Amino acid sequence: TPSKEDARCYTYLGIALSKLEDYDNSFAAYDKSIELLKLDPITRLNYAISLAKNGEDDRAKEQLKVYDSIIETNEGKQMKEDDGELNEQREMLRSVLVANS
């Protein structure tokens, strides 16, 4: 069975491909990660960032909404408290999406 680590490998691939501006393959990697681990906030947030970089604001907002719902769970709240970088990235993305609206 696939593990959390397997899913994260696809997330990291998605991030790397996004940095190379290979968005189609980046999005495919994020989709595979989500298929393996639906409720991973790190994947959802990075997917939203990549979508926004590619000008897909509506899809980015959808992923950000899922991220927000995950982060409100007990496990997510702990992750939010432990990882200030996640909070910073989320707020920067939110600012960009609001400015583009």
PDB file of N, CA and C in Angstrom:
ATOM      1  N   THR A   1       0.833  -1.186   0.000  1.00  0.00           N
ATOM      2  CA  THR A   1       0.000   0.000   0.000  1.00  0.00           C
ATOM      3  C   THR A   1       0.882   1.255   0.000  1.00  0.00           C
ATOM      4  N   PRO A   2       0.416   2.269  -0.670  1.00  0.00           N
ATOM      5  CA  PRO A   2       1.191   3.520  -0.725  1.00  0.00           C
ATOM      6  C   PRO A   2       1.268   4.173   0.657  1.00  0.00           C
ATOM      7  N   SER A   3       2.375   4.797   0.930  1.00  0.00           N
ATOM      8  CA  SER A   3       2.578   5.456   2.212  1.00  0.00           C
ATOM      9  C   SER A   3       2.532   6.976   2.042  1.00  0.00           C
ATOM     10  N   LYS A   4       2.554   7.654   3.178  1.00  0.00           N
ATOM     11  CA  LYS A   4       2.611   9.116   3.174  1.00  0.00           C
ATOM     12  C   LYS A   4       3.885   9.570   2.458  1.00  0.00           C
ATOM     13  N   GLU A   5       4.962   8.836   2.648  1.00  0.00           N
ATOM     14  CA  GLU A   5       6.228   9.181   1.996  1.00  0.00           C
ATOM     15  C   GLU A   5       6.121   9.055   0.476  1.00  0.00           C
ATOM     16  N   ASP A   6       5.399   8.038  -0.005  1.00  0.00           N
ATOM     17  CA  ASP A   6       5.191   7.879  -1.448  1.00  0.00           C
ATOM     18  C   ASP A   6       4.460   9.092  -2.010  1.00  0.00           C
ATOM     19  N   ALA A   7       3.416   9.509  -1.316  1.00  0.00           N
ATOM     20  CA  ALA A   7       2.640  10.665  -1.760  1.00  0.00           C
ATOM     21  C   ALA A   7       3.503  11.919  -1.757  1.00  0.00           C
ATOM     22  N   ARG A   8       4.308  12.092  -0.726  1.00  0.00           N
ATOM     23  CA  ARG A   8       5.161  13.275  -0.638  1.00  0.00           C
ATOM     24  C   ARG A   8       6.192  13.312  -1.768  1.00  0.00           C
ATOM     25  N   CYS A   9       6.649  12.153  -2.209  1.00  0.00           N
ATOM     26  CA  CYS A   9       7.588  12.124  -3.343  1.00  0.00           C
ATOM     27  C   CYS A   9       6.947  12.779  -4.566  1.00  0.00           C
ATOM     28  N   TYR A  10       5.680  12.483  -4.798  1.00  0.00           N
ATOM     29  CA  TYR A  10       4.980  13.114  -5.919  1.00  0.00           C
ATOM     30  C   TYR A  10       4.797  14.613  -5.685  1.00  0.00           C
ATOM     31  N   THR A  11       4.573  14.998  -4.428  1.00  0.00           N
ATOM     32  CA  THR A  11       4.468  16.426  -4.114  1.00  0.00           C
ATOM     33  C   THR A  11       5.775  17.136  -4.438  1.00  0.00           C
ATOM     34  N   TYR A  12       6.886  16.558  -4.007  1.00  0.00           N
ATOM     35  CA  TYR A  12       8.190  17.175  -4.264  1.00  0.00           C
ATOM     36  C   TYR A  12       8.486  17.229  -5.759  1.00  0.00           C
ATOM     37  N   LEU A  13       8.064  16.204  -6.483  1.00  0.00           N
ATOM     38  CA  LEU A  13       8.215  16.214  -7.935  1.00  0.00           C
ATOM     39  C   LEU A  13       7.385  17.360  -8.524  1.00  0.00           C
ATOM     40  N   GLY A  14       6.172  17.529  -8.030  1.00  0.00           N
ATOM     41  CA  GLY A  14       5.314  18.619  -8.489  1.00  0.00           C
ATOM     42  C   GLY A  14       5.947  19.982  -8.248  1.00  0.00           C
ATOM     43  N   ILE A  15       6.559  20.153  -7.088  1.00  0.00           N
ATOM     44  CA  ILE A  15       7.219  21.420  -6.765  1.00  0.00           C
ATOM     45  C   ILE A  15       8.385  21.664  -7.728  1.00  0.00           C
ATOM     46  N   ALA A  16       9.202  20.637  -7.927  1.00  0.00           N
ATOM     47  CA  ALA A  16      10.371  20.781  -8.808  1.00  0.00           C
ATOM     48  C   ALA A  16       9.941  21.104 -10.239  1.00  0.00           C
ATOM     49  N   LEU A  17       8.926  20.396 -10.730  1.00  0.00           N
ATOM     50  CA  LEU A  17       8.461  20.637 -12.095  1.00  0.00           C
ATOM     51  C   LEU A  17       7.843  22.027 -12.234  1.00  0.00           C
ATOM     52  N   SER A  18       7.183  22.493 -11.194  1.00  0.00           N
ATOM     53  CA  SER A  18       6.617  23.838 -11.213  1.00  0.00           C
ATOM     54  C   SER A  18       7.728  24.881 -11.301  1.00  0.00           C
ATOM     55  N   LYS A  19       8.808  24.666 -10.566  1.00  0.00           N
ATOM     56  CA  LYS A  19       9.938  25.597 -10.617  1.00  0.00           C
ATOM     57  C   LYS A  19      10.564  25.626 -12.011  1.00  0.00           C
ATOM     58  N   LEU A  20      10.436  24.511 -12.743  1.00  0.00           N
ATOM     59  CA  LEU A  20      10.930  24.448 -14.121  1.00  0.00           C
ATOM     60  C   LEU A  20       9.876  24.927 -15.122  1.00  0.00           C
ATOM     61  N   GLU A  21       8.745  25.389 -14.605  1.00  0.00           N
ATOM     62  CA  GLU A  21       7.609  25.864 -15.402  1.00  0.00           C
ATOM     63  C   GLU A  21       7.035  24.787 -16.321  1.00  0.00           C
ATOM     64  N   ASP A  22       7.143  23.536 -15.879  1.00  0.00           N
ATOM     65  CA  ASP A  22       6.527  22.405 -16.576  1.00  0.00           C
ATOM     66  C   ASP A  22       5.219  22.096 -15.835  1.00  0.00           C
ATOM     67  N   TYR A  23       4.251  22.984 -16.032  1.00  0.00           N
ATOM     68  CA  TYR A  23       3.038  22.935 -15.219  1.00  0.00           C
ATOM     69  C   TYR A  23       2.168  21.710 -15.478  1.00  0.00           C
ATOM     70  N   ASP A  24       2.051  21.264 -16.707  1.00  0.00           N
ATOM     71  CA  ASP A  24       1.212  20.085 -16.969  1.00  0.00           C
ATOM     72  C   ASP A  24       1.707  18.872 -16.181  1.00  0.00           C
ATOM     73  N   ASN A  25       3.002  18.636 -16.223  1.00  0.00           N
ATOM     74  CA  ASN A  25       3.544  17.493 -15.479  1.00  0.00           C
ATOM     75  C   ASN A  25       3.550  17.750 -13.981  1.00  0.00           C
ATOM     76  N   SER A  26       3.737  19.003 -13.594  1.00  0.00           N
ATOM     77  CA  SER A  26       3.658  19.363 -12.185  1.00  0.00           C
ATOM     78  C   SER A  26       2.274  19.034 -11.641  1.00  0.00           C
ATOM     79  N   PHE A  27       1.244  19.449 -12.359  1.00  0.00           N
ATOM     80  CA  PHE A  27      -0.127  19.199 -11.907  1.00  0.00           C
ATOM     81  C   PHE A  27      -0.431  17.707 -11.877  1.00  0.00           C
ATOM     82  N   ALA A  28       0.102  16.958 -12.838  1.00  0.00           N
ATOM     83  CA  ALA A  28      -0.093  15.497 -12.843  1.00  0.00           C
ATOM     84  C   ALA A  28       0.550  14.868 -11.601  1.00  0.00           C
ATOM     85  N   ALA A  29       1.720  15.369 -11.208  1.00  0.00           N
ATOM     86  CA  ALA A  29       2.382  14.851 -10.010  1.00  0.00           C
ATOM     87  C   ALA A  29       1.571  15.167  -8.753  1.00  0.00           C
ATOM     88  N   TYR A  30       1.066  16.397  -8.657  1.00  0.00           N
ATOM     89  CA  TYR A  30       0.221  16.739  -7.508  1.00  0.00           C
ATOM     90  C   TYR A  30      -1.039  15.877  -7.486  1.00  0.00           C
ATOM     91  N   ASP A  31      -1.645  15.654  -8.640  1.00  0.00           N
ATOM     92  CA  ASP A  31      -2.854  14.824  -8.703  1.00  0.00           C
ATOM     93  C   ASP A  31      -2.565  13.402  -8.217  1.00  0.00           C
ATOM     94  N   LYS A  32      -1.400  12.857  -8.593  1.00  0.00           N
ATOM     95  CA  LYS A  32      -1.025  11.510  -8.146  1.00  0.00           C
ATOM     96  C   LYS A  32      -0.812  11.505  -6.636  1.00  0.00           C
ATOM     97  N   SER A  33      -0.189  12.543  -6.107  1.00  0.00           N
ATOM     98  CA  SER A  33       0.006  12.636  -4.668  1.00  0.00           C
ATOM     99  C   SER A  33      -1.342  12.650  -3.941  1.00  0.00           C
ATOM    100  N   ILE A  34      -2.273  13.430  -4.461  1.00  0.00           N
ATOM    101  CA  ILE A  34      -3.605  13.519  -3.848  1.00  0.00           C
ATOM    102  C   ILE A  34      -4.345  12.191  -3.956  1.00  0.00           C
ATOM    103  N   GLU A  35      -4.140  11.490  -5.058  1.00  0.00           N
ATOM    104  CA  GLU A  35      -4.749  10.162  -5.215  1.00  0.00           C
ATOM    105  C   GLU A  35      -4.262   9.227  -4.105  1.00  0.00           C
ATOM    106  N   LEU A  36      -2.996   9.344  -3.739  1.00  0.00           N
ATOM    107  CA  LEU A  36      -2.414   8.488  -2.704  1.00  0.00           C
ATOM    108  C   LEU A  36      -2.729   8.956  -1.292  1.00  0.00           C
ATOM    109  N   LEU A  37      -2.849  10.269  -1.111  1.00  0.00           N
ATOM    110  CA  LEU A  37      -3.061  10.839   0.221  1.00  0.00           C
ATOM    111  C   LEU A  37      -3.905  12.103   0.080  1.00  0.00           C
ATOM    112  N   LYS A  38      -5.218  11.931   0.154  1.00  0.00           N
ATOM    113  CA  LYS A  38      -6.154  13.009  -0.162  1.00  0.00           C
ATOM    114  C   LYS A  38      -6.055  14.221   0.762  1.00  0.00           C
ATOM    115  N   LEU A  39      -5.725  13.991   2.011  1.00  0.00           N
ATOM    116  CA  LEU A  39      -5.811  15.063   2.996  1.00  0.00           C
ATOM    117  C   LEU A  39      -4.446  15.553   3.462  1.00  0.00           C
ATOM    118  N   ASP A  40      -3.518  15.708   2.534  1.00  0.00           N
ATOM    119  CA  ASP A  40      -2.203  16.217   2.892  1.00  0.00           C
ATOM    120  C   ASP A  40      -2.169  17.718   2.656  1.00  0.00           C
ATOM    121  N   PRO A  41      -2.111  18.516   3.716  1.00  0.00           N
ATOM    122  CA  PRO A  41      -2.150  19.963   3.537  1.00  0.00           C
ATOM    123  C   PRO A  41      -0.953  20.509   2.768  1.00  0.00           C
ATOM    124  N   ILE A  42       0.216  19.908   2.931  1.00  0.00           N
ATOM    125  CA  ILE A  42       1.406  20.400   2.235  1.00  0.00           C
ATOM    126  C   ILE A  42       1.232  20.271   0.729  1.00  0.00           C
ATOM    127  N   THR A  43       0.676  19.151   0.288  1.00  0.00           N
ATOM    128  CA  THR A  43       0.423  18.962  -1.142  1.00  0.00           C
ATOM    129  C   THR A  43      -0.585  19.987  -1.637  1.00  0.00           C
ATOM    130  N   ARG A  44      -1.660  20.153  -0.898  1.00  0.00           N
ATOM    131  CA  ARG A  44      -2.719  21.081  -1.332  1.00  0.00           C
ATOM    132  C   ARG A  44      -2.210  22.513  -1.439  1.00  0.00           C
ATOM    133  N   LEU A  45      -1.415  22.945  -0.471  1.00  0.00           N
ATOM    134  CA  LEU A  45      -0.911  24.314  -0.497  1.00  0.00           C
ATOM    135  C   LEU A  45       0.070  24.512  -1.655  1.00  0.00           C
ATOM    136  N   ASN A  46       0.983  23.577  -1.844  1.00  0.00           N
ATOM    137  CA  ASN A  46       1.940  23.710  -2.944  1.00  0.00           C
ATOM    138  C   ASN A  46       1.262  23.617  -4.302  1.00  0.00           C
ATOM    139  N   TYR A  47       0.235  22.794  -4.407  1.00  0.00           N
ATOM    140  CA  TYR A  47      -0.539  22.709  -5.649  1.00  0.00           C
ATOM    141  C   TYR A  47      -1.189  24.070  -5.926  1.00  0.00           C
ATOM    142  N   ALA A  48      -1.765  24.667  -4.902  1.00  0.00           N
ATOM    143  CA  ALA A  48      -2.402  25.983  -5.067  1.00  0.00           C
ATOM    144  C   ALA A  48      -1.385  27.026  -5.515  1.00  0.00           C
ATOM    145  N   ILE A  49      -0.203  27.007  -4.939  1.00  0.00           N
ATOM    146  CA  ILE A  49       0.843  27.958  -5.316  1.00  0.00           C
ATOM    147  C   ILE A  49       1.224  27.762  -6.783  1.00  0.00           C
ATOM    148  N   SER A  50       1.405  26.519  -7.194  1.00  0.00           N
ATOM    149  CA  SER A  50       1.770  26.236  -8.590  1.00  0.00           C
ATOM    150  C   SER A  50       0.671  26.660  -9.553  1.00  0.00           C
ATOM    151  N   LEU A  51      -0.569  26.404  -9.185  1.00  0.00           N
ATOM    152  CA  LEU A  51      -1.686  26.831 -10.028  1.00  0.00           C
ATOM    153  C   LEU A  51      -1.703  28.352 -10.179  1.00  0.00           C
ATOM    154  N   ALA A  52      -1.497  29.053  -9.078  1.00  0.00           N
ATOM    155  CA  ALA A  52      -1.491  30.521  -9.122  1.00  0.00           C
ATOM    156  C   ALA A  52      -0.346  31.034  -9.999  1.00  0.00           C
ATOM    157  N   LYS A  53       0.819  30.397  -9.905  1.00  0.00           N
ATOM    158  CA  LYS A  53       1.958  30.796 -10.744  1.00  0.00           C
ATOM    159  C   LYS A  53       1.634  30.641 -12.227  1.00  0.00           C
ATOM    160  N   ASN A  54       0.761  29.689 -12.538  1.00  0.00           N
ATOM    161  CA  ASN A  54       0.383  29.432 -13.925  1.00  0.00           C
ATOM    162  C   ASN A  54      -0.876  30.205 -14.320  1.00  0.00           C
ATOM    163  N   GLY A  55      -1.327  31.118 -13.464  1.00  0.00           N
ATOM    164  CA  GLY A  55      -2.478  31.949 -13.785  1.00  0.00           C
ATOM    165  C   GLY A  55      -3.818  31.261 -13.644  1.00  0.00           C
ATOM    166  N   GLU A  56      -3.851  30.128 -12.962  1.00  0.00           N
ATOM    167  CA  GLU A  56      -5.099  29.384 -12.777  1.00  0.00           C
ATOM    168  C   GLU A  56      -5.659  29.680 -11.388  1.00  0.00           C
ATOM    169  N   ASP A  57      -6.090  30.918 -11.216  1.00  0.00           N
ATOM    170  CA  ASP A  57      -6.520  31.392  -9.900  1.00  0.00           C
ATOM    171  C   ASP A  57      -7.732  30.656  -9.351  1.00  0.00           C
ATOM    172  N   ASP A  58      -8.699  30.330 -10.186  1.00  0.00           N
ATOM    173  CA  ASP A  58      -9.889  29.634  -9.686  1.00  0.00           C
ATOM    174  C   ASP A  58      -9.530  28.263  -9.123  1.00  0.00           C
ATOM    175  N   ARG A  59      -8.710  27.542  -9.850  1.00  0.00           N
ATOM    176  CA  ARG A  59      -8.264  26.227  -9.360  1.00  0.00           C
ATOM    177  C   ARG A  59      -7.387  26.378  -8.125  1.00  0.00           C
ATOM    178  N   ALA A  60      -6.581  27.424  -8.086  1.00  0.00           N
ATOM    179  CA  ALA A  60      -5.748  27.681  -6.905  1.00  0.00           C
ATOM    180  C   ALA A  60      -6.629  27.932  -5.682  1.00  0.00           C
ATOM    181  N   LYS A  61      -7.681  28.698  -5.865  1.00  0.00           N
ATOM    182  CA  LYS A  61      -8.601  28.974  -4.750  1.00  0.00           C
ATOM    183  C   LYS A  61      -9.261  27.695  -4.260  1.00  0.00           C
ATOM    184  N   GLU A  62      -9.589  26.789  -5.176  1.00  0.00           N
ATOM    185  CA  GLU A  62     -10.186  25.504  -4.776  1.00  0.00           C
ATOM    186  C   GLU A  62      -9.226  24.712  -3.901  1.00  0.00           C
ATOM    187  N   GLN A  63      -7.956  24.635  -4.316  1.00  0.00           N
ATOM    188  CA  GLN A  63      -6.966  23.892  -3.530  1.00  0.00           C
ATOM    189  C   GLN A  63      -6.716  24.576  -2.187  1.00  0.00           C
ATOM    190  N   LEU A  64      -6.705  25.894  -2.176  1.00  0.00           N
ATOM    191  CA  LEU A  64      -6.514  26.626  -0.928  1.00  0.00           C
ATOM    192  C   LEU A  64      -7.678  26.379   0.028  1.00  0.00           C
ATOM    193  N   LYS A  65      -8.870  26.284  -0.518  1.00  0.00           N
ATOM    194  CA  LYS A  65     -10.056  25.990   0.301  1.00  0.00           C
ATOM    195  C   LYS A  65      -9.935  24.602   0.934  1.00  0.00           C
ATOM    196  N   VAL A  66      -9.479  23.626   0.157  1.00  0.00           N
ATOM    197  CA  VAL A  66      -9.277  22.276   0.703  1.00  0.00           C
ATOM    198  C   VAL A  66      -8.188  22.319   1.777  1.00  0.00           C
ATOM    199  N   TYR A  67      -7.105  23.039   1.489  1.00  0.00           N
ATOM    200  CA  TYR A  67      -6.028  23.191   2.475  1.00  0.00           C
ATOM    201  C   TYR A  67      -6.593  23.744   3.788  1.00  0.00           C
ATOM    202  N   ASP A  68      -7.380  24.803   3.693  1.00  0.00           N
ATOM    203  CA  ASP A  68      -7.947  25.419   4.895  1.00  0.00           C
ATOM    204  C   ASP A  68      -8.824  24.443   5.677  1.00  0.00           C
ATOM    205  N   SER A  69      -9.600  23.620   4.973  1.00  0.00           N
ATOM    206  CA  SER A  69     -10.460  22.666   5.681  1.00  0.00           C
ATOM    207  C   SER A  69      -9.627  21.570   6.354  1.00  0.00           C
ATOM    208  N   ILE A  70      -8.542  21.161   5.729  1.00  0.00           N
ATOM    209  CA  ILE A  70      -7.671  20.149   6.327  1.00  0.00           C
ATOM    210  C   ILE A  70      -6.975  20.722   7.555  1.00  0.00           C
ATOM    211  N   ILE A  71      -6.496  21.934   7.443  1.00  0.00           N
ATOM    212  CA  ILE A  71      -5.701  22.534   8.511  1.00  0.00           C
ATOM    213  C   ILE A  71      -6.558  22.813   9.755  1.00  0.00           C
ATOM    214  N   GLU A  72      -7.869  22.814   9.606  1.00  0.00           N
ATOM    215  CA  GLU A  72      -8.758  23.034  10.748  1.00  0.00           C
ATOM    216  C   GLU A  72      -9.027  21.756  11.541  1.00  0.00           C
ATOM    217  N   THR A  73      -8.574  20.604  11.051  1.00  0.00           N
ATOM    218  CA  THR A  73      -8.703  19.375  11.831  1.00  0.00           C
ATOM    219  C   THR A  73      -7.694  19.423  12.974  1.00  0.00           C
ATOM    220  N   ASN A  74      -7.842  18.531  13.942  1.00  0.00           N
ATOM    221  CA  ASN A  74      -6.926  18.524  15.081  1.00  0.00           C
ATOM    222  C   ASN A  74      -5.479  18.343  14.648  1.00  0.00           C
ATOM    223  N   GLU A  75      -5.226  17.384  13.748  1.00  0.00           N
ATOM    224  CA  GLU A  75      -3.871  17.135  13.267  1.00  0.00           C
ATOM    225  C   GLU A  75      -3.351  18.340  12.483  1.00  0.00           C
ATOM    226  N   GLY A  76      -4.223  18.921  11.683  1.00  0.00           N
ATOM    227  CA  GLY A  76      -3.840  20.082  10.896  1.00  0.00           C
ATOM    228  C   GLY A  76      -3.504  21.281  11.758  1.00  0.00           C
ATOM    229  N   LYS A  77      -4.269  21.474  12.816  1.00  0.00           N
ATOM    230  CA  LYS A  77      -3.997  22.600  13.729  1.00  0.00           C
ATOM    231  C   LYS A  77      -2.609  22.470  14.341  1.00  0.00           C
ATOM    232  N   GLN A  78      -2.222  21.249  14.689  1.00  0.00           N
ATOM    233  CA  GLN A  78      -0.885  21.039  15.252  1.00  0.00           C
ATOM    234  C   GLN A  78       0.181  21.358  14.217  1.00  0.00           C
ATOM    235  N   MET A  79      -0.045  20.929  12.961  1.00  0.00           N
ATOM    236  CA  MET A  79       0.905  21.210  11.895  1.00  0.00           C
ATOM    237  C   MET A  79       1.019  22.715  11.672  1.00  0.00           C
ATOM    238  N   LYS A  80      -0.118  23.394  11.714  1.00  0.00           N
ATOM    239  CA  LYS A  80      -0.143  24.847  11.521  1.00  0.00           C
ATOM    240  C   LYS A  80       0.667  25.552  12.605  1.00  0.00           C
ATOM    241  N   GLU A  81       0.538  25.081  13.831  1.00  0.00           N
ATOM    242  CA  GLU A  81       1.277  25.681  14.936  1.00  0.00           C
ATOM    243  C   GLU A  81       2.770  25.404  14.823  1.00  0.00           C
ATOM    244  N   ASP A  82       3.127  24.219  14.314  1.00  0.00           N
ATOM    245  CA  ASP A  82       4.522  23.809  14.247  1.00  0.00           C
ATOM    246  C   ASP A  82       5.270  24.381  13.047  1.00  0.00           C
ATOM    247  N   ASP A  83       4.552  24.796  12.018  1.00  0.00           N
ATOM    248  CA  ASP A  83       5.217  25.175  10.770  1.00  0.00           C
ATOM    249  C   ASP A  83       4.824  26.583  10.342  1.00  0.00           C
ATOM    250  N   GLY A  84       5.591  27.555  10.807  1.00  0.00           N
ATOM    251  CA  GLY A  84       5.319  28.943  10.467  1.00  0.00           C
ATOM    252  C   GLY A  84       5.452  29.219   8.977  1.00  0.00           C
ATOM    253  N   GLU A  85       6.314  28.459   8.285  1.00  0.00           N
ATOM    254  CA  GLU A  85       6.503  28.663   6.846  1.00  0.00           C
ATOM    255  C   GLU A  85       5.220  28.364   6.078  1.00  0.00           C
ATOM    256  N   LEU A  86       4.492  27.341   6.495  1.00  0.00           N
ATOM    257  CA  LEU A  86       3.206  27.044   5.854  1.00  0.00           C
ATOM    258  C   LEU A  86       2.270  28.232   5.971  1.00  0.00           C
ATOM    259  N   ASN A  87       2.231  28.824   7.160  1.00  0.00           N
ATOM    260  CA  ASN A  87       1.365  29.978   7.377  1.00  0.00           C
ATOM    261  C   ASN A  87       1.770  31.151   6.497  1.00  0.00           C
ATOM    262  N   GLU A  88       3.079  31.384   6.397  1.00  0.00           N
ATOM    263  CA  GLU A  88       3.569  32.481   5.559  1.00  0.00           C
ATOM    264  C   GLU A  88       3.199  32.264   4.100  1.00  0.00           C
ATOM    265  N   GLN A  89       3.422  31.047   3.603  1.00  0.00           N
ATOM    266  CA  GLN A  89       3.103  30.748   2.206  1.00  0.00           C
ATOM    267  C   GLN A  89       1.618  30.906   1.936  1.00  0.00           C
ATOM    268  N   ARG A  90       0.806  30.444   2.873  1.00  0.00           N
ATOM    269  CA  ARG A  90      -0.642  30.553   2.701  1.00  0.00           C
ATOM    270  C   ARG A  90      -1.065  32.016   2.629  1.00  0.00           C
ATOM    271  N   GLU A  91      -0.538  32.823   3.507  1.00  0.00           N
ATOM    272  CA  GLU A  91      -0.918  34.237   3.523  1.00  0.00           C
ATOM    273  C   GLU A  91      -0.440  34.975   2.271  1.00  0.00           C
ATOM    274  N   MET A  92       0.756  34.656   1.800  1.00  0.00           N
ATOM    275  CA  MET A  92       1.244  35.281   0.565  1.00  0.00           C
ATOM    276  C   MET A  92       0.365  34.882  -0.621  1.00  0.00           C
ATOM    277  N   LEU A  93       0.022  33.591  -0.698  1.00  0.00           N
ATOM    278  CA  LEU A  93      -0.847  33.121  -1.785  1.00  0.00           C
ATOM    279  C   LEU A  93      -2.210  33.783  -1.692  1.00  0.00           C
ATOM    280  N   ARG A  94      -2.755  33.850  -0.512  1.00  0.00           N
ATOM    281  CA  ARG A  94      -4.066  34.489  -0.334  1.00  0.00           C
ATOM    282  C   ARG A  94      -4.025  35.937  -0.805  1.00  0.00           C
ATOM    283  N   SER A  95      -2.969  36.655  -0.478  1.00  0.00           N
ATOM    284  CA  SER A  95      -2.827  38.048  -0.902  1.00  0.00           C
ATOM    285  C   SER A  95      -2.800  38.165  -2.414  1.00  0.00           C
ATOM    286  N   VAL A  96      -2.076  37.282  -3.059  1.00  0.00           N
ATOM    287  CA  VAL A  96      -1.983  37.295  -4.522  1.00  0.00           C
ATOM    288  C   VAL A  96      -3.340  37.005  -5.148  1.00  0.00           C
ATOM    289  N   LEU A  97      -4.026  36.005  -4.625  1.00  0.00           N
ATOM    290  CA  LEU A  97      -5.328  35.631  -5.193  1.00  0.00           C
ATOM    291  C   LEU A  97      -6.356  36.734  -4.974  1.00  0.00           C
ATOM    292  N   VAL A  98      -6.321  37.393  -3.830  1.00  0.00           N
ATOM    293  CA  VAL A  98      -7.252  38.498  -3.572  1.00  0.00           C
ATOM    294  C   VAL A  98      -6.937  39.666  -4.507  1.00  0.00           C
ATOM    295  N   ALA A  99      -5.655  39.953  -4.697  1.00  0.00           N
ATOM    296  CA  ALA A  99      -5.263  41.054  -5.573  1.00  0.00           C
ATOM    297  C   ALA A  99      -5.658  40.797  -7.028  1.00  0.00           C
ATOM    298  N   ASN A 100      -5.651  39.529  -7.421  1.00  0.00           N
ATOM    299  CA  ASN A 100      -6.012  39.174  -8.798  1.00  0.00           C
ATOM    300  C   ASN A 100      -7.518  39.094  -9.032  1.00  0.00           C
ATOM    301  N   SER A 101      -8.277  39.140  -7.943  1.00  0.00           N
ATOM    302  CA  SER A 101      -9.748  39.015  -8.082  1.00  0.00           C
ATOM    303  C   SER A 101     -10.384  40.249  -8.651  1.00  0.00           C
TER     304      SER A 101
END
